[in-house]
């Protein structure tokens, strides 16, 4: 994740409870695969909790 995306991500989703890969990829105009890598990176950093599997996966804010 680029630093500019990191800042924008925090601003845009601060008030939401969850996001999906699709929401994230559309926001940053990136592929689903890149969005998945970014979201997994945020999970590993402890900023998100991953809930579900495959197409039903949601990411909850900590």
N, C-alpha and C. Protein backbone atom coordinates (compact mmCIF):
# COMPACT_ATOMS: atom_id res chain seq x y z
N UNK A 1 0.85 -1.17 0.00
CA UNK A 1 0.00 0.00 0.00
C UNK A 1 0.89 1.23 0.00
N UNK A 2 0.57 2.16 -0.87
CA UNK A 2 1.32 3.41 -0.93
C UNK A 2 0.89 4.32 0.22
N UNK A 3 1.79 5.20 0.64
CA UNK A 3 1.50 6.09 1.76
C UNK A 3 0.28 6.97 1.48
N UNK A 4 0.14 7.45 0.25
CA UNK A 4 -1.01 8.30 -0.09
C UNK A 4 -2.32 7.51 0.05
N UNK A 5 -2.30 6.23 -0.32
CA UNK A 5 -3.49 5.39 -0.16
C UNK A 5 -3.77 5.16 1.31
N UNK A 6 -2.73 4.99 2.09
CA UNK A 6 -2.88 4.77 3.53
C UNK A 6 -3.59 5.95 4.18
N UNK A 7 -3.20 7.17 3.85
CA UNK A 7 -3.82 8.37 4.41
C UNK A 7 -5.26 8.48 3.94
N UNK A 8 -5.50 8.28 2.65
CA UNK A 8 -6.85 8.38 2.10
C UNK A 8 -7.75 7.30 2.69
N UNK A 9 -7.22 6.11 2.86
CA UNK A 9 -7.98 5.01 3.44
C UNK A 9 -8.47 5.37 4.83
N UNK A 10 -7.60 5.93 5.63
CA UNK A 10 -7.97 6.30 7.00
C UNK A 10 -9.07 7.36 7.02
N UNK A 11 -8.98 8.33 6.12
CA UNK A 11 -9.98 9.40 6.07
C UNK A 11 -11.34 8.88 5.61
N UNK A 12 -11.34 8.12 4.53
CA UNK A 12 -12.59 7.69 3.89
C UNK A 12 -13.37 6.65 4.68
N UNK A 13 -12.68 5.75 5.35
CA UNK A 13 -13.38 4.66 6.01
C UNK A 13 -13.35 4.75 7.52
N UNK A 14 -12.99 5.89 8.02
CA UNK A 14 -12.90 6.08 9.47
C UNK A 14 -14.23 5.80 10.17
N UNK A 15 -15.34 6.18 9.55
CA UNK A 15 -16.65 6.05 10.17
C UNK A 15 -17.40 4.76 9.78
N UNK A 16 -16.87 4.01 8.84
CA UNK A 16 -17.53 2.77 8.44
C UNK A 16 -17.08 1.62 9.35
N UNK A 17 -17.90 0.62 9.45
CA UNK A 17 -17.58 -0.52 10.31
C UNK A 17 -16.85 -1.62 9.56
N UNK A 18 -17.08 -1.70 8.24
CA UNK A 18 -16.47 -2.77 7.47
C UNK A 18 -16.26 -2.33 6.03
N UNK A 19 -15.35 -3.04 5.36
CA UNK A 19 -15.14 -2.83 3.93
C UNK A 19 -14.97 -4.19 3.28
N UNK A 20 -15.08 -4.20 1.97
CA UNK A 20 -14.86 -5.42 1.20
C UNK A 20 -13.75 -5.16 0.19
N UNK A 21 -13.26 -6.23 -0.39
CA UNK A 21 -12.24 -6.12 -1.41
C UNK A 21 -12.75 -5.28 -2.59
N UNK A 22 -13.99 -5.49 -2.96
CA UNK A 22 -14.59 -4.76 -4.07
C UNK A 22 -14.65 -3.26 -3.79
N UNK A 23 -15.07 -2.89 -2.60
CA UNK A 23 -15.14 -1.47 -2.22
C UNK A 23 -13.75 -0.84 -2.30
N UNK A 24 -12.78 -1.54 -1.78
CA UNK A 24 -11.41 -1.03 -1.73
C UNK A 24 -10.82 -0.88 -3.13
N UNK A 25 -11.02 -1.89 -3.97
CA UNK A 25 -10.45 -1.84 -5.33
C UNK A 25 -11.09 -0.74 -6.17
N UNK A 26 -12.39 -0.51 -6.00
CA UNK A 26 -13.07 0.56 -6.73
C UNK A 26 -12.60 1.93 -6.26
N UNK A 27 -12.41 2.09 -4.96
CA UNK A 27 -11.99 3.38 -4.41
C UNK A 27 -10.63 3.81 -4.96
N UNK A 28 -9.70 2.86 -5.03
CA UNK A 28 -8.34 3.19 -5.45
C UNK A 28 -8.05 2.83 -6.90
N UNK A 29 -9.08 2.37 -7.62
CA UNK A 29 -8.95 2.03 -9.04
C UNK A 29 -7.78 1.07 -9.26
N UNK A 30 -7.80 -0.03 -8.51
CA UNK A 30 -6.77 -1.05 -8.60
C UNK A 30 -7.44 -2.40 -8.84
N UNK A 31 -6.65 -3.39 -9.20
CA UNK A 31 -7.21 -4.72 -9.44
C UNK A 31 -7.64 -5.35 -8.12
N UNK A 32 -8.52 -6.35 -8.23
CA UNK A 32 -8.97 -7.06 -7.03
C UNK A 32 -7.79 -7.74 -6.33
N UNK A 33 -6.85 -8.25 -7.10
CA UNK A 33 -5.69 -8.93 -6.53
C UNK A 33 -4.83 -7.96 -5.72
N UNK A 34 -4.61 -6.76 -6.24
CA UNK A 34 -3.83 -5.75 -5.52
C UNK A 34 -4.57 -5.32 -4.26
N UNK A 35 -5.87 -5.16 -4.37
CA UNK A 35 -6.68 -4.79 -3.20
C UNK A 35 -6.57 -5.86 -2.12
N UNK A 36 -6.61 -7.11 -2.54
CA UNK A 36 -6.49 -8.22 -1.58
C UNK A 36 -5.15 -8.17 -0.86
N UNK A 37 -4.08 -7.92 -1.60
CA UNK A 37 -2.76 -7.81 -0.96
C UNK A 37 -2.72 -6.66 0.03
N UNK A 38 -3.28 -5.51 -0.36
CA UNK A 38 -3.31 -4.34 0.54
C UNK A 38 -4.12 -4.64 1.80
N UNK A 39 -5.29 -5.24 1.63
CA UNK A 39 -6.13 -5.54 2.78
C UNK A 39 -5.48 -6.56 3.71
N UNK A 40 -4.85 -7.56 3.14
CA UNK A 40 -4.13 -8.54 3.97
C UNK A 40 -2.97 -7.88 4.71
N UNK A 41 -2.33 -6.92 4.08
CA UNK A 41 -1.26 -6.17 4.74
C UNK A 41 -1.82 -5.40 5.94
N UNK A 42 -2.99 -4.81 5.78
CA UNK A 42 -3.62 -4.07 6.88
C UNK A 42 -4.04 -5.01 8.01
N UNK A 43 -4.46 -6.23 7.65
CA UNK A 43 -4.78 -7.24 8.66
C UNK A 43 -3.50 -7.59 9.44
N UNK A 44 -2.42 -7.82 8.72
CA UNK A 44 -1.15 -8.18 9.36
C UNK A 44 -0.60 -7.06 10.24
N UNK A 45 -0.92 -5.82 9.91
CA UNK A 45 -0.48 -4.68 10.72
C UNK A 45 -1.40 -4.44 11.92
N UNK A 46 -2.48 -5.20 12.00
CA UNK A 46 -3.39 -5.09 13.13
C UNK A 46 -4.43 -3.99 13.01
N UNK A 47 -4.64 -3.47 11.80
CA UNK A 47 -5.62 -2.39 11.60
C UNK A 47 -7.01 -2.91 11.25
N UNK A 48 -7.06 -4.12 10.70
CA UNK A 48 -8.33 -4.73 10.31
C UNK A 48 -8.42 -6.15 10.85
N UNK A 49 -9.64 -6.62 11.03
CA UNK A 49 -9.91 -8.03 11.32
C UNK A 49 -10.57 -8.62 10.09
N UNK A 50 -10.11 -9.77 9.66
CA UNK A 50 -10.68 -10.45 8.50
C UNK A 50 -11.75 -11.43 8.98
N UNK A 51 -12.95 -11.30 8.40
CA UNK A 51 -14.08 -12.15 8.75
C UNK A 51 -14.60 -12.81 7.47
N UNK A 52 -14.75 -14.11 7.49
CA UNK A 52 -15.30 -14.83 6.34
C UNK A 52 -14.21 -15.34 5.41
N UNK A 53 -14.68 -15.97 4.34
CA UNK A 53 -13.78 -16.56 3.36
C UNK A 53 -14.28 -16.29 1.95
N UNK A 54 -13.37 -16.29 1.04
CA UNK A 54 -13.62 -16.13 -0.40
C UNK A 54 -14.48 -14.90 -0.68
N UNK A 55 -15.58 -15.06 -1.40
CA UNK A 55 -16.38 -13.90 -1.82
C UNK A 55 -17.13 -13.23 -0.67
N UNK A 56 -17.24 -13.89 0.44
CA UNK A 56 -17.98 -13.34 1.58
C UNK A 56 -17.06 -12.65 2.60
N UNK A 57 -15.81 -12.48 2.26
CA UNK A 57 -14.86 -11.88 3.19
C UNK A 57 -15.15 -10.41 3.39
N UNK A 58 -15.15 -10.00 4.64
CA UNK A 58 -15.30 -8.60 5.01
C UNK A 58 -14.15 -8.26 5.94
N UNK A 59 -13.80 -7.01 5.98
CA UNK A 59 -12.73 -6.55 6.84
C UNK A 59 -13.32 -5.54 7.82
N UNK A 60 -13.19 -5.84 9.09
CA UNK A 60 -13.74 -4.99 10.14
C UNK A 60 -12.63 -4.15 10.74
N UNK A 61 -12.96 -2.91 11.04
CA UNK A 61 -11.99 -2.01 11.64
C UNK A 61 -11.81 -2.30 13.11
N UNK A 62 -10.58 -2.20 13.56
CA UNK A 62 -10.28 -2.39 14.98
C UNK A 62 -10.40 -1.10 15.71
